[in-house]
Amino acid sequence: MIKKYFLLLLAAILLTGVLGQNRQVDLPQNIPLQDILKKAKKQKKHVLLDFGSPRCSPCLFIKNKIFTIDSIADFINERFVSVDYTEGPEKKRLSKIYEVYTEPVLLICDANGKVMHRMEGKCTAGEMMARLRQGLDVKNNLTAQKLMYDNGNRSSEFLINYLETLHIAGLRTQRDSVLHNIFSLSFHVDSLKTPKYWNVFLRYNESPVSREGSYVFKHREEFYKLFGEQIVNGKIDQMFNGKLRTYTYGQTPPIESKEYRDILECLQNTDYPKSTEWLIYLMPAQYKFKDWMAMVKAIDHAIDFNIPKGKDKQTYMIMMSRQICWYSDNYEALSYALKWIDRAIKSSDNSQKQKLQNEREQIIEKMNELKP
């Protein structure tokens, strides 16, 4: 009998918990901004603009997993008039005004529509609450920090805080400018061996051939002893892989970039274990948009010499085929892309075959359009 009552009590508690977590952010869709501002003025609240789309998984995560937490829903509903821009002319108009080029982006504005704070990307519930609180802090939000920066505040503590605010906002150009202020020419690169500046480098530096990136790469054995080989190599790999993706899928000739040329020279003169893996992507990229046949022959040689092996070879053939299809109008170069995708299909499992078949059809369609 006692056990029965205990189970009933436990079920009641669990049910209460489930039913209790049912509040959510009041988030109407695609309402004209003027109507939102009018409502905010009347209720003496701030405005929360949510830019997303039904096809954006991070956007859906925020709406379905974060905005449905009682504490966050209550915090937002008490302080903001919110609106969700998912599609339509108003979203397009406001995206231009507020310079929103990705999703999800959350903007905290005053009742006149002036931006106070900006947040980009997926985050946890705790991060969301901290960002909302910062956005309402008129002494510490994005607008306040920008004003302090424009007025000449260059203390290291402030710059590091501002760097994080810009990082959260997704304002990469401004973030990199502040990073250059921290890692200026007068900065002693051996200071990267201190936790304070190592953590800044670890989180924000994206170039393996920046002054700081080159120093860490050259002296990596020393950094292994300070911060651990796995962490240091993880950062090195992250920097090079990021640039590899940029030059593989980018829409400008890599050879025109000094950074690309510096990366190429760096990898050609190092014994770092992954250098060969990266070079088979980066070497052909020097011909991209300049000489498509030279590019595909360089790729073909890497495949024929079996430099990438196993699954790495399949990934390589798919990525190379894909970028030739996207960017090249050279019929003969496309025939190489078709050859690679056919080889990739043969070694793929059933779950991947259909997607690769679709890519194959895109190559054939483009070749038919260009057929002499």
Protein backbone atom coordinates (compact mmCIF):
# COMPACT_ATOMS: atom_id res chain seq x y z
CA MET A 1 0.00 0.00 0.00
CA ILE A 2 2.80 2.43 0.93
CA LYS A 3 4.57 1.63 -2.31
CA LYS A 4 1.36 2.32 -4.24
CA TYR A 5 0.91 5.75 -2.63
CA PHE A 6 4.57 6.54 -3.23
CA LEU A 7 4.24 5.75 -6.93
CA LEU A 8 1.09 7.88 -7.21
CA LEU A 9 2.81 10.78 -5.47
CA LEU A 10 5.86 10.46 -7.75
CA ALA A 11 3.64 10.42 -10.84
CA ALA A 12 1.82 13.52 -9.62
CA ILE A 13 5.11 15.36 -9.06
CA LEU A 14 6.42 14.43 -12.50
CA LEU A 15 3.13 15.40 -14.14
CA THR A 16 3.15 18.73 -12.35
CA GLY A 17 6.69 19.35 -13.60
CA VAL A 18 5.74 18.55 -17.18
CA LEU A 19 2.61 20.67 -17.09
CA GLY A 20 4.43 23.48 -15.32
CA GLN A 21 6.93 23.88 -18.13
CA ASN A 22 4.43 25.01 -20.73
CA ARG A 23 4.86 28.75 -21.04
CA GLN A 24 6.55 30.19 -24.10
CA VAL A 25 7.62 33.49 -25.62
CA ASP A 26 4.78 35.45 -27.18
CA LEU A 27 6.23 35.53 -30.70
CA PRO A 28 3.86 36.59 -33.51
CA GLN A 29 5.22 36.28 -37.03
CA ASN A 30 6.03 38.91 -39.65
CA ILE A 31 4.14 41.79 -38.04
CA PRO A 32 5.04 45.23 -39.49
CA LEU A 33 7.72 46.79 -37.32
CA GLN A 34 5.77 50.01 -36.86
CA ASP A 35 2.97 48.06 -35.17
CA ILE A 36 5.50 46.41 -32.85
CA LEU A 37 7.11 49.74 -31.95
CA LYS A 38 3.72 51.31 -31.27
CA LYS A 39 2.83 48.45 -28.93
CA ALA A 40 6.22 48.67 -27.18
CA LYS A 41 5.79 52.40 -26.52
CA LYS A 42 2.32 51.85 -25.15
CA GLN A 43 3.48 49.05 -22.83
CA LYS A 44 6.81 50.76 -22.02
CA LYS A 45 8.81 47.74 -23.12
CA HIS A 46 11.80 47.02 -25.29
CA VAL A 47 11.59 45.17 -28.61
CA LEU A 48 13.00 41.73 -29.47
CA LEU A 49 13.34 41.01 -33.19
CA ASP A 50 13.92 37.36 -34.11
CA PHE A 51 15.22 36.71 -37.64
CA GLY A 52 15.00 33.06 -38.69
CA SER A 53 13.30 30.63 -41.04
CA PRO A 54 11.36 27.34 -40.85
CA ARG A 55 14.30 25.55 -42.53
CA CYS A 56 16.97 26.78 -40.09
CA SER A 57 17.67 24.11 -37.43
CA PRO A 58 19.41 26.50 -34.95
CA CYS A 59 16.40 28.84 -35.30
CA LEU A 60 14.00 26.01 -34.52
CA PHE A 61 16.13 24.94 -31.56
CA ILE A 62 15.86 28.41 -30.03
CA LYS A 63 12.10 28.62 -30.62
CA ASN A 64 11.25 25.08 -29.52
CA LYS A 65 13.84 24.37 -26.82
CA ILE A 66 14.88 27.75 -25.39
CA PHE A 67 11.86 30.03 -25.76
CA THR A 68 9.64 27.35 -24.18
CA ILE A 69 11.55 27.36 -20.87
CA ASP A 70 9.37 29.09 -18.27
CA SER A 71 12.08 31.32 -16.80
CA ILE A 72 13.16 32.58 -20.22
CA ALA A 73 9.62 32.97 -21.53
CA ASP A 74 8.62 34.94 -18.42
CA PHE A 75 11.74 37.12 -18.60
CA ILE A 76 11.15 38.00 -22.26
CA ASN A 77 7.38 38.46 -22.08
CA GLU A 78 7.69 40.78 -19.07
CA ARG A 79 10.27 43.04 -20.73
CA PHE A 80 9.82 42.82 -24.50
CA VAL A 81 7.35 43.04 -27.31
CA SER A 82 8.66 40.28 -29.55
CA VAL A 83 8.22 39.40 -33.20
CA ASP A 84 9.49 36.55 -35.38
CA TYR A 85 10.53 37.40 -38.95
CA THR A 86 10.58 34.20 -40.99
CA GLU A 87 9.64 35.32 -44.51
CA GLY A 88 7.98 37.99 -46.60
CA PRO A 89 8.64 41.61 -47.59
CA GLU A 90 8.91 42.95 -44.02
CA LYS A 91 11.67 40.48 -43.20
CA LYS A 92 13.48 41.39 -46.41
CA ARG A 93 13.15 45.11 -45.72
CA LEU A 94 14.31 44.88 -42.12
CA SER A 95 17.17 42.52 -42.97
CA LYS A 96 18.65 45.27 -45.14
CA ILE A 97 18.09 47.97 -42.54
CA TYR A 98 19.60 45.96 -39.69
CA GLU A 99 22.23 44.20 -41.84
CA VAL A 100 21.04 40.68 -41.06
CA TYR A 101 22.70 38.27 -43.48
CA THR A 102 22.46 34.98 -41.58
CA GLU A 103 20.11 33.15 -39.21
CA PRO A 104 19.25 33.07 -36.39
CA VAL A 105 19.82 36.67 -35.33
CA LEU A 106 18.14 38.29 -32.31
CA LEU A 107 18.10 42.06 -31.98
CA ILE A 108 17.22 43.95 -28.81
CA CYS A 109 15.93 47.41 -29.72
CA ASP A 110 14.42 50.34 -27.90
CA ALA A 111 10.85 51.42 -28.57
CA ASN A 112 12.08 53.57 -31.47
CA GLY A 113 13.68 50.63 -33.23
CA LYS A 114 17.28 51.59 -32.40
CA VAL A 115 19.53 48.55 -31.88
CA MET A 116 20.86 48.10 -28.35
CA HIS A 117 22.24 44.58 -28.63
CA ARG A 118 22.71 41.81 -31.17
CA MET A 119 22.97 38.02 -30.78
CA GLU A 120 23.71 35.50 -33.51
CA GLY A 121 23.56 31.71 -33.60
CA LYS A 122 22.50 28.83 -31.39
CA CYS A 123 23.02 29.02 -27.63
CA THR A 124 22.11 27.31 -24.36
CA ALA A 125 19.41 28.53 -21.99
CA GLY A 126 22.01 29.96 -19.62
CA GLU A 127 23.76 31.78 -22.44
CA MET A 128 20.46 33.17 -23.69
CA MET A 129 19.57 34.59 -20.28
CA ALA A 130 23.01 36.16 -19.87
CA ARG A 131 22.81 37.73 -23.33
CA LEU A 132 19.35 39.13 -22.73
CA ARG A 133 20.46 40.67 -19.44
CA GLN A 134 23.52 42.19 -21.09
CA GLY A 135 21.36 43.59 -23.87
CA LEU A 136 19.22 45.47 -21.34
CA ASP A 137 22.28 46.80 -19.48
CA VAL A 138 22.71 50.29 -20.93
CA LYS A 139 26.25 50.47 -19.54
CA ASN A 140 27.44 47.16 -20.97
CA ASN A 141 25.43 46.20 -24.06
CA LEU A 142 26.74 46.29 -27.63
CA THR A 143 25.81 49.92 -28.19
CA ALA A 144 27.40 51.04 -24.92
CA GLN A 145 30.61 49.11 -25.59
CA LYS A 146 30.85 50.45 -29.13
CA LEU A 147 30.58 53.99 -27.79
CA MET A 148 33.35 53.32 -25.27
CA TYR A 149 35.53 51.86 -28.01
CA ASP A 150 34.85 54.78 -30.36
CA ASN A 151 35.75 57.16 -27.52
CA GLY A 152 39.16 55.56 -27.24
CA ASN A 153 38.92 52.96 -24.47
CA ARG A 154 41.75 50.52 -25.19
CA SER A 155 42.28 48.87 -21.82
CA SER A 156 42.99 45.16 -22.26
CA GLU A 157 40.14 44.13 -19.94
CA PHE A 158 37.61 46.21 -21.89
CA LEU A 159 38.89 45.03 -25.28
CA ILE A 160 38.56 41.39 -24.27
CA ASN A 161 34.97 41.97 -23.08
CA TYR A 162 34.11 43.91 -26.24
CA LEU A 163 35.64 41.15 -28.36
CA GLU A 164 33.26 38.61 -26.83
CA THR A 165 30.26 40.90 -27.35
CA LEU A 166 31.14 41.32 -31.03
CA HIS A 167 31.73 37.58 -31.35
CA ILE A 168 28.26 36.83 -29.96
CA ALA A 169 26.81 39.49 -32.27
CA GLY A 170 28.39 37.83 -35.31
CA LEU A 171 30.08 41.10 -36.29
CA ARG A 172 33.27 39.49 -37.55
CA THR A 173 34.85 42.48 -39.28
CA GLN A 174 34.52 44.62 -36.16
CA ARG A 175 35.65 41.72 -33.98
CA ASP A 176 38.80 41.21 -36.04
CA SER A 177 39.54 44.94 -35.87
CA VAL A 178 39.41 44.80 -32.07
CA LEU A 179 41.53 41.64 -32.10
CA HIS A 180 44.17 43.57 -34.06
CA ASN A 181 44.13 46.19 -31.32
CA ILE A 182 44.86 43.51 -28.73
CA PHE A 183 47.44 41.73 -30.89
CA SER A 184 49.00 44.91 -32.26
CA LEU A 185 52.56 45.16 -33.55
CA SER A 186 53.62 46.25 -30.07
CA PHE A 187 52.16 43.08 -28.55
CA HIS A 188 54.84 40.69 -27.32
CA VAL A 189 53.93 37.37 -28.89
CA ASP A 190 55.49 35.40 -26.05
CA SER A 191 52.61 36.78 -23.95
CA LEU A 192 50.51 34.16 -25.74
CA LYS A 193 52.02 31.73 -23.26
CA THR A 194 49.99 33.36 -20.47
CA PRO A 195 46.44 32.03 -19.89
CA LYS A 196 44.91 35.50 -20.40
CA TYR A 197 46.14 35.96 -23.97
CA TRP A 198 46.19 32.29 -24.87
CA ASN A 199 42.45 32.13 -24.21
CA VAL A 200 41.88 35.17 -26.45
CA PHE A 201 43.91 33.54 -29.21
CA LEU A 202 42.18 30.19 -28.70
CA ARG A 203 38.68 31.63 -29.03
CA TYR A 204 39.05 34.34 -31.66
CA ASN A 205 42.10 33.96 -33.90
CA GLU A 206 41.17 32.31 -37.21
CA SER A 207 44.32 32.70 -39.30
CA PRO A 208 47.19 30.19 -39.03
CA VAL A 209 49.52 32.69 -40.70
CA SER A 210 48.69 35.75 -38.64
CA ARG A 211 51.62 36.93 -36.53
CA GLU A 212 50.17 35.11 -33.52
CA GLY A 213 49.09 32.01 -35.47
CA SER A 214 52.53 31.65 -37.02
CA TYR A 215 54.20 32.00 -33.62
CA VAL A 216 52.04 29.31 -32.04
CA PHE A 217 52.55 26.98 -35.01
CA LYS A 218 56.32 27.46 -35.03
CA HIS A 219 56.66 27.05 -31.24
CA ARG A 220 53.90 24.46 -30.80
CA GLU A 221 56.14 22.15 -28.76
CA GLU A 222 56.43 24.87 -26.10
CA PHE A 223 52.67 25.41 -26.12
CA TYR A 224 52.09 21.66 -25.76
CA LYS A 225 53.87 21.80 -22.40
CA LEU A 226 51.78 24.77 -21.25
CA PHE A 227 48.29 23.94 -22.48
CA GLY A 228 48.35 20.34 -23.70
CA GLU A 229 49.08 18.85 -27.11
CA GLN A 230 45.44 18.01 -27.84
CA ILE A 231 44.23 21.57 -27.23
CA VAL A 232 47.07 23.20 -29.18
CA ASN A 233 46.79 20.84 -32.15
CA GLY A 234 43.01 21.21 -32.04
CA LYS A 235 43.39 24.97 -32.48
CA ILE A 236 45.96 24.55 -35.26
CA ASP A 237 43.68 22.10 -37.08
CA GLN A 238 40.70 24.41 -36.64
CA MET A 239 42.55 27.34 -38.22
CA PHE A 240 43.84 25.41 -41.23
CA ASN A 241 40.56 23.54 -41.79
CA GLY A 242 38.64 26.81 -41.70
CA LYS A 243 40.84 28.29 -44.41
CA LEU A 244 40.65 25.06 -46.40
CA ARG A 245 36.86 25.36 -46.52
CA THR A 246 37.13 29.03 -47.47
CA TYR A 247 39.38 28.33 -50.45
CA THR A 248 37.51 25.19 -51.50
CA TYR A 249 34.04 26.73 -51.54
CA GLY A 250 34.89 30.43 -51.85
CA GLN A 251 33.87 32.42 -54.90
CA THR A 252 37.10 34.34 -55.51
CA PRO A 253 40.48 33.13 -56.85
CA PRO A 254 42.52 31.96 -53.84
CA ILE A 255 45.83 32.80 -55.55
CA GLU A 256 44.95 36.49 -55.31
CA SER A 257 44.94 36.25 -51.50
CA LYS A 258 48.24 36.85 -49.71
CA GLU A 259 46.96 34.78 -46.82
CA TYR A 260 46.42 31.82 -49.17
CA ARG A 261 49.95 32.12 -50.56
CA ASP A 262 51.38 32.33 -47.04
CA ILE A 263 49.43 29.24 -45.95
CA LEU A 264 50.66 27.33 -48.99
CA GLU A 265 54.28 28.25 -48.26
CA CYS A 266 53.86 27.37 -44.59
CA LEU A 267 52.49 23.89 -45.32
CA GLN A 268 55.12 23.18 -47.95
CA ASN A 269 57.84 23.78 -45.36
CA THR A 270 56.58 21.90 -42.31
CA ASP A 271 56.55 18.35 -41.01
CA TYR A 272 53.19 18.84 -39.27
CA PRO A 273 51.32 15.50 -39.64
CA LYS A 274 48.28 16.91 -41.47
CA SER A 275 50.17 19.13 -43.91
CA THR A 276 49.92 16.67 -46.83
CA GLU A 277 46.20 16.19 -46.18
CA TRP A 278 45.65 19.95 -46.41
CA LEU A 279 47.96 20.47 -49.39
CA ILE A 280 45.97 18.15 -51.67
CA TYR A 281 43.08 20.59 -51.24
CA LEU A 282 45.08 23.80 -51.29
CA MET A 283 47.56 23.11 -54.11
CA PRO A 284 44.88 22.73 -56.82
CA ALA A 285 43.11 25.82 -55.47
CA GLN A 286 45.87 28.05 -56.86
CA TYR A 287 44.33 27.47 -60.32
CA LYS A 288 40.72 28.05 -59.28
CA PHE A 289 38.96 30.51 -61.63
CA LYS A 290 42.29 30.92 -63.47
CA ASP A 291 42.94 27.58 -65.21
CA TRP A 292 40.30 24.92 -64.63
CA MET A 293 42.16 22.22 -66.57
CA ALA A 294 45.32 22.71 -64.52
CA MET A 295 43.18 22.47 -61.40
CA VAL A 296 41.41 19.22 -62.33
CA LYS A 297 44.67 17.59 -63.42
CA ALA A 298 46.27 18.45 -60.06
CA ILE A 299 43.26 16.90 -58.31
CA ASP A 300 43.38 13.85 -60.56
CA HIS A 301 47.06 13.30 -59.80
CA ALA A 302 46.34 13.34 -56.05
CA ILE A 303 43.63 10.72 -56.56
CA ASP A 304 45.74 8.55 -58.88
CA PHE A 305 48.69 8.60 -56.49
CA ASN A 306 46.31 7.48 -53.73
CA ILE A 307 47.31 10.34 -51.43
CA PRO A 308 43.89 10.51 -49.77
CA LYS A 309 42.91 6.97 -48.79
CA GLY A 310 39.70 5.15 -47.90
CA LYS A 311 36.87 7.40 -46.77
CA ASP A 312 39.16 10.42 -47.04
CA LYS A 313 39.51 9.73 -50.76
CA GLN A 314 35.75 9.51 -51.20
CA THR A 315 35.26 12.80 -49.33
CA TYR A 316 37.99 14.39 -51.45
CA MET A 317 36.41 13.28 -54.74
CA ILE A 318 32.99 14.53 -53.65
CA MET A 319 34.27 17.94 -52.52
CA MET A 320 36.38 18.45 -55.63
CA SER A 321 33.57 17.33 -57.93
CA ARG A 322 31.16 19.64 -56.17
CA GLN A 323 33.22 22.81 -56.52
CA ILE A 324 33.99 22.14 -60.20
CA CYS A 325 30.26 21.71 -60.82
CA TRP A 326 29.41 24.91 -58.94
CA TYR A 327 31.99 27.23 -60.39
CA SER A 328 33.45 25.94 -63.67
CA ASP A 329 31.99 26.44 -67.13
CA ASN A 330 34.72 24.34 -68.74
CA TYR A 331 33.16 21.28 -70.37
CA GLU A 332 36.30 19.15 -70.16
CA ALA A 333 36.86 20.06 -66.51
CA LEU A 334 33.28 19.00 -65.77
CA SER A 335 34.01 15.60 -67.33
CA TYR A 336 36.62 15.09 -64.60
CA ALA A 337 34.04 16.02 -61.96
CA LEU A 338 31.69 13.42 -63.46
CA LYS A 339 34.43 10.78 -63.31
CA TRP A 340 35.12 11.51 -59.63
CA ILE A 341 31.47 11.47 -58.60
CA ASP A 342 31.00 8.13 -60.40
CA ARG A 343 33.91 6.67 -58.43
CA ALA A 344 32.47 8.08 -55.21
CA ILE A 345 29.06 6.53 -55.94
CA LYS A 346 30.62 3.08 -56.39
CA SER A 347 32.20 3.21 -52.93
CA SER A 348 29.27 4.85 -51.12
CA ASP A 349 26.62 3.17 -48.99
CA ASN A 350 22.93 3.18 -49.87
CA SER A 351 22.13 6.11 -47.58
CA GLN A 352 24.49 8.37 -49.56
CA LYS A 353 23.96 7.04 -53.08
CA GLN A 354 20.80 9.02 -53.88
CA LYS A 355 22.33 12.34 -52.87
CA LEU A 356 25.40 11.64 -54.99
CA GLN A 357 23.19 10.57 -57.90
CA ASN A 358 21.48 13.96 -57.68
CA GLU A 359 24.86 15.68 -57.80
CA ARG A 360 25.81 13.54 -60.79
CA GLU A 361 22.66 14.67 -62.61
CA GLN A 362 23.55 18.31 -61.92
CA ILE A 363 26.96 17.81 -63.52
CA ILE A 364 25.43 16.12 -66.58
CA GLU A 365 22.82 18.89 -66.89
CA LYS A 366 25.53 21.54 -66.84
CA MET A 367 27.64 19.60 -69.35
CA ASN A 368 24.65 19.33 -71.69
CA GLU A 369 24.22 23.10 -71.53
CA LEU A 370 27.89 23.60 -72.43
CA LYS A 371 28.19 20.78 -74.96
CA PRO A 372 30.13 21.99 -78.03
